[in-house]
Amino acid sequence: MKGLNEPRNSSLIFLFASLLVLFIGIPDSFSQTPGPPSTYEAEAGTLNGVGVEDRYPGFTGNGYVAQFGQAGDSIEFVISVPRQDY
């Protein structure tokens, strides 16, 4: 019984993947210049059981989220991403 690591099977997998890329195509969005990066400040999210601190330097925004110590402590974000049709 032949394994997946044998050269013949690897060549067939590579050929299949190459044909799939050619058939489906590569979306134009990969060639577009990306826009400015978005920044999401943790303290701007919905804080569940945690708090914002600013004792230690190096943070951006109003501070940093700390006090994670219990099960369920979390930060929740709602992020809208514009739809792109390929």
PDB file of N, CA and C in Angstrom:
ATOM      1  N   MET A   1       0.844  -1.167   0.000  1.00  0.00           N
ATOM      2  CA  MET A   1       0.000   0.000   0.000  1.00  0.00           C
ATOM      3  C   MET A   1       0.899   1.243   0.000  1.00  0.00           C
ATOM      4  N   LYS A   2       0.619   2.170  -0.894  1.00  0.00           N
ATOM      5  CA  LYS A   2       1.454   3.354  -1.023  1.00  0.00           C
ATOM      6  C   LYS A   2       0.960   4.451  -0.095  1.00  0.00           C
ATOM      7  N   GLY A   3       1.895   5.222   0.501  1.00  0.00           N
ATOM      8  CA  GLY A   3       1.555   6.316   1.401  1.00  0.00           C
ATOM      9  C   GLY A   3       1.464   7.647   0.662  1.00  0.00           C
ATOM     10  N   LEU A   4       0.963   8.658   1.324  1.00  0.00           N
ATOM     11  CA  LEU A   4       0.815   9.981   0.725  1.00  0.00           C
ATOM     12  C   LEU A   4       2.147  10.682   0.487  1.00  0.00           C
ATOM     13  N   ASN A   5       3.206  10.185   1.104  1.00  0.00           N
ATOM     14  CA  ASN A   5       4.498  10.848   0.975  1.00  0.00           C
ATOM     15  C   ASN A   5       5.261  10.424  -0.269  1.00  0.00           C
ATOM     16  N   GLU A   6       4.734   9.507  -1.037  1.00  0.00           N
ATOM     17  CA  GLU A   6       5.442   9.062  -2.218  1.00  0.00           C
ATOM     18  C   GLU A   6       5.359  10.117  -3.304  1.00  0.00           C
ATOM     19  N   PRO A   7       6.391  10.231  -4.141  1.00  0.00           N
ATOM     20  CA  PRO A   7       6.471  11.284  -5.154  1.00  0.00           C
ATOM     21  C   PRO A   7       5.266  11.345  -6.082  1.00  0.00           C
ATOM     22  N   ARG A   8       4.728  10.225  -6.503  1.00  0.00           N
ATOM     23  CA  ARG A   8       3.612  10.226  -7.450  1.00  0.00           C
ATOM     24  C   ARG A   8       2.395  10.909  -6.841  1.00  0.00           C
ATOM     25  N   ASN A   9       2.050  10.576  -5.604  1.00  0.00           N
ATOM     26  CA  ASN A   9       0.894  11.185  -4.963  1.00  0.00           C
ATOM     27  C   ASN A   9       1.116  12.672  -4.721  1.00  0.00           C
ATOM     28  N   SER A  10       2.317  13.074  -4.332  1.00  0.00           N
ATOM     29  CA  SER A  10       2.618  14.482  -4.107  1.00  0.00           C
ATOM     30  C   SER A  10       2.483  15.271  -5.398  1.00  0.00           C
ATOM     31  N   SER A  11       2.939  14.694  -6.507  1.00  0.00           N
ATOM     32  CA  SER A  11       2.825  15.374  -7.798  1.00  0.00           C
ATOM     33  C   SER A  11       1.374  15.539  -8.200  1.00  0.00           C
ATOM     34  N   LEU A  12       0.557  14.537  -7.953  1.00  0.00           N
ATOM     35  CA  LEU A  12      -0.863  14.621  -8.299  1.00  0.00           C
ATOM     36  C   LEU A  12      -1.571  15.676  -7.452  1.00  0.00           C
ATOM     37  N   ILE A  13      -1.230  15.757  -6.178  1.00  0.00           N
ATOM     38  CA  ILE A  13      -1.831  16.757  -5.296  1.00  0.00           C
ATOM     39  C   ILE A  13      -1.420  18.156  -5.757  1.00  0.00           C
ATOM     40  N   PHE A  14      -0.142  18.350  -6.107  1.00  0.00           N
ATOM     41  CA  PHE A  14       0.323  19.649  -6.589  1.00  0.00           C
ATOM     42  C   PHE A  14      -0.380  20.021  -7.885  1.00  0.00           C
ATOM     43  N   LEU A  15      -0.515  19.075  -8.806  1.00  0.00           N
ATOM     44  CA  LEU A  15      -1.189  19.330 -10.072  1.00  0.00           C
ATOM     45  C   LEU A  15      -2.642  19.713  -9.840  1.00  0.00           C
ATOM     46  N   PHE A  16      -3.331  19.001  -8.968  1.00  0.00           N
ATOM     47  CA  PHE A  16      -4.726  19.308  -8.662  1.00  0.00           C
ATOM     48  C   PHE A  16      -4.854  20.707  -8.069  1.00  0.00           C
ATOM     49  N   ALA A  17      -3.990  21.068  -7.110  1.00  0.00           N
ATOM     50  CA  ALA A  17      -4.036  22.390  -6.488  1.00  0.00           C
ATOM     51  C   ALA A  17      -3.754  23.480  -7.521  1.00  0.00           C
ATOM     52  N   SER A  18      -2.811  23.252  -8.431  1.00  0.00           N
ATOM     53  CA  SER A  18      -2.490  24.235  -9.467  1.00  0.00           C
ATOM     54  C   SER A  18      -3.666  24.438 -10.406  1.00  0.00           C
ATOM     55  N   LEU A  19      -4.297  23.361 -10.811  1.00  0.00           N
ATOM     56  CA  LEU A  19      -5.459  23.477 -11.692  1.00  0.00           C
ATOM     57  C   LEU A  19      -6.614  24.166 -10.997  1.00  0.00           C
ATOM     58  N   LEU A  20      -6.787  23.919  -9.718  1.00  0.00           N
ATOM     59  CA  LEU A  20      -7.854  24.560  -8.959  1.00  0.00           C
ATOM     60  C   LEU A  20      -7.636  26.072  -8.914  1.00  0.00           C
ATOM     61  N   VAL A  21      -6.407  26.515  -8.677  1.00  0.00           N
ATOM     62  CA  VAL A  21      -6.106  27.948  -8.658  1.00  0.00           C
ATOM     63  C   VAL A  21      -6.355  28.557 -10.038  1.00  0.00           C
ATOM     64  N   LEU A  22      -5.941  27.867 -11.100  1.00  0.00           N
ATOM     65  CA  LEU A  22      -6.161  28.381 -12.452  1.00  0.00           C
ATOM     66  C   LEU A  22      -7.649  28.452 -12.787  1.00  0.00           C
ATOM     67  N   PHE A  23      -8.400  27.469 -12.363  1.00  0.00           N
ATOM     68  CA  PHE A  23      -9.834  27.427 -12.664  1.00  0.00           C
ATOM     69  C   PHE A  23     -10.597  28.499 -11.900  1.00  0.00           C
ATOM     70  N   ILE A  24     -10.324  28.625 -10.601  1.00  0.00           N
ATOM     71  CA  ILE A  24     -11.037  29.585  -9.762  1.00  0.00           C
ATOM     72  C   ILE A  24     -10.498  30.990  -9.992  1.00  0.00           C
ATOM     73  N   GLY A  25      -9.206  31.118 -10.147  1.00  0.00           N
ATOM     74  CA  GLY A  25      -8.592  32.426 -10.315  1.00  0.00           C
ATOM     75  C   GLY A  25      -8.213  33.017  -8.976  1.00  0.00           C
ATOM     76  N   ILE A  26      -7.454  34.070  -9.040  1.00  0.00           N
ATOM     77  CA  ILE A  26      -7.025  34.771  -7.838  1.00  0.00           C
ATOM     78  C   ILE A  26      -7.777  36.089  -7.789  1.00  0.00           C
ATOM     79  N   PRO A  27      -8.456  36.405  -6.689  1.00  0.00           N
ATOM     80  CA  PRO A  27      -9.222  37.649  -6.599  1.00  0.00           C
ATOM     81  C   PRO A  27      -8.357  38.879  -6.838  1.00  0.00           C
ATOM     82  N   ASP A  28      -8.934  39.891  -7.487  1.00  0.00           N
ATOM     83  CA  ASP A  28      -8.215  41.136  -7.751  1.00  0.00           C
ATOM     84  C   ASP A  28      -7.781  41.834  -6.473  1.00  0.00           C
ATOM     85  N   SER A  29      -8.470  41.582  -5.379  1.00  0.00           N
ATOM     86  CA  SER A  29      -8.141  42.283  -4.136  1.00  0.00           C
ATOM     87  C   SER A  29      -6.729  41.965  -3.655  1.00  0.00           C
ATOM     88  N   PHE A  30      -6.151  40.835  -4.088  1.00  0.00           N
ATOM     89  CA  PHE A  30      -4.794  40.513  -3.679  1.00  0.00           C
ATOM     90  C   PHE A  30      -3.784  41.443  -4.346  1.00  0.00           C
ATOM     91  N   SER A  31      -4.134  41.998  -5.498  1.00  0.00           N
ATOM     92  CA  SER A  31      -3.204  42.851  -6.208  1.00  0.00           C
ATOM     93  C   SER A  31      -3.419  44.332  -5.899  1.00  0.00           C
ATOM     94  N   GLN A  32      -4.460  44.667  -5.185  1.00  0.00           N
ATOM     95  CA  GLN A  32      -4.739  46.058  -4.872  1.00  0.00           C
ATOM     96  C   GLN A  32      -3.877  46.527  -3.706  1.00  0.00           C
ATOM     97  N   THR A  33      -3.577  47.811  -3.705  1.00  0.00           N
ATOM     98  CA  THR A  33      -2.823  48.394  -2.604  1.00  0.00           C
ATOM     99  C   THR A  33      -3.726  48.461  -1.382  1.00  0.00           C
ATOM    100  N   PRO A  34      -3.317  47.882  -0.258  1.00  0.00           N
ATOM    101  CA  PRO A  34      -4.186  47.896   0.923  1.00  0.00           C
ATOM    102  C   PRO A  34      -4.332  49.303   1.493  1.00  0.00           C
ATOM    103  N   GLY A  35      -5.454  49.539   2.128  1.00  0.00           N
ATOM    104  CA  GLY A  35      -5.703  50.814   2.778  1.00  0.00           C
ATOM    105  C   GLY A  35      -4.970  50.881   4.096  1.00  0.00           C
ATOM    106  N   PRO A  36      -5.156  51.979   4.794  1.00  0.00           N
ATOM    107  CA  PRO A  36      -4.475  52.112   6.089  1.00  0.00           C
ATOM    108  C   PRO A  36      -4.980  51.063   7.072  1.00  0.00           C
ATOM    109  N   PRO A  37      -4.111  50.566   7.926  1.00  0.00           N
ATOM    110  CA  PRO A  37      -4.554  49.552   8.892  1.00  0.00           C
ATOM    111  C   PRO A  37      -5.530  50.147   9.897  1.00  0.00           C
ATOM    112  N   SER A  38      -6.431  49.329  10.358  1.00  0.00           N
ATOM    113  CA  SER A  38      -7.389  49.743  11.384  1.00  0.00           C
ATOM    114  C   SER A  38      -6.838  49.364  12.751  1.00  0.00           C
ATOM    115  N   THR A  39      -7.124  50.174  13.718  1.00  0.00           N
ATOM    116  CA  THR A  39      -6.699  49.890  15.077  1.00  0.00           C
ATOM    117  C   THR A  39      -7.928  49.734  15.947  1.00  0.00           C
ATOM    118  N   TYR A  40      -7.969  48.680  16.704  1.00  0.00           N
ATOM    119  CA  TYR A  40      -9.068  48.438  17.636  1.00  0.00           C
ATOM    120  C   TYR A  40      -8.484  48.460  19.039  1.00  0.00           C
ATOM    121  N   GLU A  41      -8.879  49.435  19.816  1.00  0.00           N
ATOM    122  CA  GLU A  41      -8.400  49.548  21.186  1.00  0.00           C
ATOM    123  C   GLU A  41      -9.231  48.628  22.074  1.00  0.00           C
ATOM    124  N   ALA A  42      -8.570  47.795  22.845  1.00  0.00           N
ATOM    125  CA  ALA A  42      -9.263  46.816  23.685  1.00  0.00           C
ATOM    126  C   ALA A  42     -10.220  47.486  24.659  1.00  0.00           C
ATOM    127  N   GLU A  43      -9.812  48.622  25.210  1.00  0.00           N
ATOM    128  CA  GLU A  43     -10.656  49.285  26.204  1.00  0.00           C
ATOM    129  C   GLU A  43     -11.930  49.866  25.588  1.00  0.00           C
ATOM    130  N   ALA A  44     -12.010  49.935  24.254  1.00  0.00           N
ATOM    131  CA  ALA A  44     -13.209  50.441  23.587  1.00  0.00           C
ATOM    132  C   ALA A  44     -14.251  49.341  23.372  1.00  0.00           C
ATOM    133  N   GLY A  45     -13.868  48.097  23.616  1.00  0.00           N
ATOM    134  CA  GLY A  45     -14.809  46.994  23.466  1.00  0.00           C
ATOM    135  C   GLY A  45     -15.727  46.897  24.669  1.00  0.00           C
ATOM    136  N   THR A  46     -16.627  45.933  24.630  1.00  0.00           N
ATOM    137  CA  THR A  46     -17.491  45.667  25.775  1.00  0.00           C
ATOM    138  C   THR A  46     -16.700  44.814  26.756  1.00  0.00           C
ATOM    139  N   LEU A  47     -16.468  45.343  27.954  1.00  0.00           N
ATOM    140  CA  LEU A  47     -15.649  44.656  28.950  1.00  0.00           C
ATOM    141  C   LEU A  47     -16.541  43.854  29.881  1.00  0.00           C
ATOM    142  N   ASN A  48     -16.221  42.603  30.035  1.00  0.00           N
ATOM    143  CA  ASN A  48     -16.987  41.701  30.892  1.00  0.00           C
ATOM    144  C   ASN A  48     -16.095  41.182  32.012  1.00  0.00           C
ATOM    145  N   GLY A  49     -16.208  41.776  33.194  1.00  0.00           N
ATOM    146  CA  GLY A  49     -15.448  41.321  34.351  1.00  0.00           C
ATOM    147  C   GLY A  49     -14.024  41.812  34.408  1.00  0.00           C
ATOM    148  N   VAL A  50     -13.625  42.681  33.499  1.00  0.00           N
ATOM    149  CA  VAL A  50     -12.267  43.206  33.468  1.00  0.00           C
ATOM    150  C   VAL A  50     -12.317  44.727  33.549  1.00  0.00           C
ATOM    151  N   GLY A  51     -11.175  45.351  33.719  1.00  0.00           N
ATOM    152  CA  GLY A  51     -11.131  46.803  33.827  1.00  0.00           C
ATOM    153  C   GLY A  51      -9.992  47.391  33.028  1.00  0.00           C
ATOM    154  N   VAL A  52      -9.976  48.709  32.915  1.00  0.00           N
ATOM    155  CA  VAL A  52      -8.938  49.425  32.187  1.00  0.00           C
ATOM    156  C   VAL A  52      -7.946  50.001  33.201  1.00  0.00           C
ATOM    157  N   GLU A  53      -6.659  49.799  32.930  1.00  0.00           N
ATOM    158  CA  GLU A  53      -5.603  50.341  33.772  1.00  0.00           C
ATOM    159  C   GLU A  53      -4.656  51.160  32.915  1.00  0.00           C
ATOM    160  N   ASP A  54      -3.883  52.025  33.582  1.00  0.00           N
ATOM    161  CA  ASP A  54      -2.890  52.815  32.862  1.00  0.00           C
ATOM    162  C   ASP A  54      -1.617  53.015  33.683  1.00  0.00           C
ATOM    163  N   ARG A  55      -1.350  52.078  34.581  1.00  0.00           N
ATOM    164  CA  ARG A  55      -0.173  52.185  35.462  1.00  0.00           C
ATOM    165  C   ARG A  55       1.143  52.013  34.731  1.00  0.00           C
ATOM    166  N   TYR A  56       1.175  51.150  33.728  1.00  0.00           N
ATOM    167  CA  TYR A  56       2.429  50.834  33.042  1.00  0.00           C
ATOM    168  C   TYR A  56       2.460  51.531  31.687  1.00  0.00           C
ATOM    169  N   PRO A  57       3.592  52.115  31.292  1.00  0.00           N
ATOM    170  CA  PRO A  57       3.688  52.835  30.018  1.00  0.00           C
ATOM    171  C   PRO A  57       3.697  51.884  28.818  1.00  0.00           C
ATOM    172  N   GLY A  58       3.506  52.464  27.647  1.00  0.00           N
ATOM    173  CA  GLY A  58       3.631  51.704  26.412  1.00  0.00           C
ATOM    174  C   GLY A  58       2.311  51.384  25.743  1.00  0.00           C
ATOM    175  N   PHE A  59       1.203  51.783  26.323  1.00  0.00           N
ATOM    176  CA  PHE A  59      -0.093  51.486  25.729  1.00  0.00           C
ATOM    177  C   PHE A  59      -0.510  52.593  24.772  1.00  0.00           C
ATOM    178  N   THR A  60      -1.482  52.297  23.936  1.00  0.00           N
ATOM    179  CA  THR A  60      -2.111  53.314  23.092  1.00  0.00           C
ATOM    180  C   THR A  60      -3.534  53.491  23.588  1.00  0.00           C
ATOM    181  N   GLY A  61      -4.194  54.528  23.161  1.00  0.00           N
ATOM    182  CA  GLY A  61      -5.564  54.765  23.616  1.00  0.00           C
ATOM    183  C   GLY A  61      -5.592  55.251  25.046  1.00  0.00           C
ATOM    184  N   ASN A  62      -6.641  54.855  25.780  1.00  0.00           N
ATOM    185  CA  ASN A  62      -6.846  55.309  27.159  1.00  0.00           C
ATOM    186  C   ASN A  62      -6.154  54.448  28.202  1.00  0.00           C
ATOM    187  N   GLY A  63      -5.642  53.312  27.823  1.00  0.00           N
ATOM    188  CA  GLY A  63      -5.026  52.396  28.774  1.00  0.00           C
ATOM    189  C   GLY A  63      -4.979  51.004  28.178  1.00  0.00           C
ATOM    190  N   TYR A  64      -4.984  50.024  29.023  1.00  0.00           N
ATOM    191  CA  TYR A  64      -4.975  48.632  28.596  1.00  0.00           C
ATOM    192  C   TYR A  64      -5.950  47.861  29.481  1.00  0.00           C
ATOM    193  N   VAL A  65      -6.440  46.764  28.958  1.00  0.00           N
ATOM    194  CA  VAL A  65      -7.400  45.955  29.707  1.00  0.00           C
ATOM    195  C   VAL A  65      -6.627  44.984  30.587  1.00  0.00           C
ATOM    196  N   ALA A  66      -7.033  44.888  31.844  1.00  0.00           N
ATOM    197  CA  ALA A  66      -6.371  44.018  32.817  1.00  0.00           C
ATOM    198  C   ALA A  66      -7.424  43.400  33.727  1.00  0.00           C
ATOM    199  N   GLN A  67      -6.968  42.690  34.711  1.00  0.00           N
ATOM    200  CA  GLN A  67      -7.816  42.081  35.728  1.00  0.00           C
ATOM    201  C   GLN A  67      -8.556  40.838  35.225  1.00  0.00           C
ATOM    202  N   PHE A  68      -7.945  40.127  34.272  1.00  0.00           N
ATOM    203  CA  PHE A  68      -8.506  38.843  33.854  1.00  0.00           C
ATOM    204  C   PHE A  68      -8.185  37.846  34.957  1.00  0.00           C
ATOM    205  N   GLY A  69      -9.166  37.295  35.588  1.00  0.00           N
ATOM    206  CA  GLY A  69      -8.894  36.360  36.666  1.00  0.00           C
ATOM    207  C   GLY A  69      -9.981  35.328  36.872  1.00  0.00           C
ATOM    208  N   GLN A  70     -11.125  35.546  36.287  1.00  0.00           N
ATOM    209  CA  GLN A  70     -12.247  34.625  36.480  1.00  0.00           C
ATOM    210  C   GLN A  70     -12.683  34.044  35.136  1.00  0.00           C
ATOM    211  N   ALA A  71     -13.259  32.869  35.187  1.00  0.00           N
ATOM    212  CA  ALA A  71     -13.840  32.289  33.974  1.00  0.00           C
ATOM    213  C   ALA A  71     -14.919  33.239  33.466  1.00  0.00           C
ATOM    214  N   GLY A  72     -14.914  33.520  32.195  1.00  0.00           N
ATOM    215  CA  GLY A  72     -15.899  34.416  31.609  1.00  0.00           C
ATOM    216  C   GLY A  72     -15.418  35.846  31.453  1.00  0.00           C
ATOM    217  N   ASP A  73     -14.284  36.205  32.071  1.00  0.00           N
ATOM    218  CA  ASP A  73     -13.734  37.541  31.860  1.00  0.00           C
ATOM    219  C   ASP A  73     -13.372  37.662  30.382  1.00  0.00           C
ATOM    220  N   SER A  74     -13.832  38.738  29.751  1.00  0.00           N
ATOM    221  CA  SER A  74     -13.622  38.827  28.310  1.00  0.00           C
ATOM    222  C   SER A  74     -13.789  40.254  27.807  1.00  0.00           C
ATOM    223  N   ILE A  75     -13.429  40.442  26.554  1.00  0.00           N
ATOM    224  CA  ILE A  75     -13.657  41.671  25.814  1.00  0.00           C
ATOM    225  C   ILE A  75     -14.434  41.266  24.568  1.00  0.00           C
ATOM    226  N   GLU A  76     -15.443  42.032  24.234  1.00  0.00           N
ATOM    227  CA  GLU A  76     -16.249  41.718  23.057  1.00  0.00           C
ATOM    228  C   GLU A  76     -16.208  42.903  22.096  1.00  0.00           C
ATOM    229  N   PHE A  77     -15.983  42.608  20.831  1.00  0.00           N
ATOM    230  CA  PHE A  77     -15.976  43.620  19.785  1.00  0.00           C
ATOM    231  C   PHE A  77     -17.044  43.307  18.750  1.00  0.00           C
ATOM    232  N   VAL A  78     -17.602  44.339  18.168  1.00  0.00           N
ATOM    233  CA  VAL A  78     -18.454  44.206  16.993  1.00  0.00           C
ATOM    234  C   VAL A  78     -17.728  44.987  15.906  1.00  0.00           C
ATOM    235  N   ILE A  79     -17.271  44.280  14.882  1.00  0.00           N
ATOM    236  CA  ILE A  79     -16.488  44.893  13.813  1.00  0.00           C
ATOM    237  C   ILE A  79     -17.230  44.721  12.501  1.00  0.00           C
ATOM    238  N   SER A  80     -17.469  45.813  11.801  1.00  0.00           N
ATOM    239  CA  SER A  80     -18.113  45.769  10.488  1.00  0.00           C
ATOM    240  C   SER A  80     -17.054  45.795   9.409  1.00  0.00           C
ATOM    241  N   VAL A  81     -17.149  44.864   8.488  1.00  0.00           N
ATOM    242  CA  VAL A  81     -16.205  44.781   7.382  1.00  0.00           C
ATOM    243  C   VAL A  81     -16.992  44.953   6.091  1.00  0.00           C
ATOM    244  N   PRO A  82     -16.580  45.895   5.223  1.00  0.00           N
ATOM    245  CA  PRO A  82     -17.313  46.077   3.980  1.00  0.00           C
ATOM    246  C   PRO A  82     -17.225  44.831   3.106  1.00  0.00           C
ATOM    247  N   ARG A  83     -18.306  44.554   2.427  1.00  0.00           N
ATOM    248  CA  ARG A  83     -18.368  43.388   1.568  1.00  0.00           C
ATOM    249  C   ARG A  83     -17.580  43.643   0.283  1.00  0.00           C
ATOM    250  N   GLN A  84     -16.869  42.645  -0.175  1.00  0.00           N
ATOM    251  CA  GLN A  84     -16.172  42.727  -1.445  1.00  0.00           C
ATOM    252  C   GLN A  84     -16.616  41.571  -2.303  1.00  0.00           C
ATOM    253  N   ASP A  85     -17.071  41.874  -3.491  1.00  0.00           N
ATOM    254  CA  ASP A  85     -17.437  40.825  -4.443  1.00  0.00           C
ATOM    255  C   ASP A  85     -16.229  40.499  -5.293  1.00  0.00           C
ATOM    256  N   TYR A  86     -15.951  39.222  -5.425  1.00  0.00           N
ATOM    257  CA  TYR A  86     -14.791  38.806  -6.213  1.00  0.00           C
ATOM    258  C   TYR A  86     -15.208  38.394  -7.593  1.00  0.00           C
TER     259      TYR A  86
END
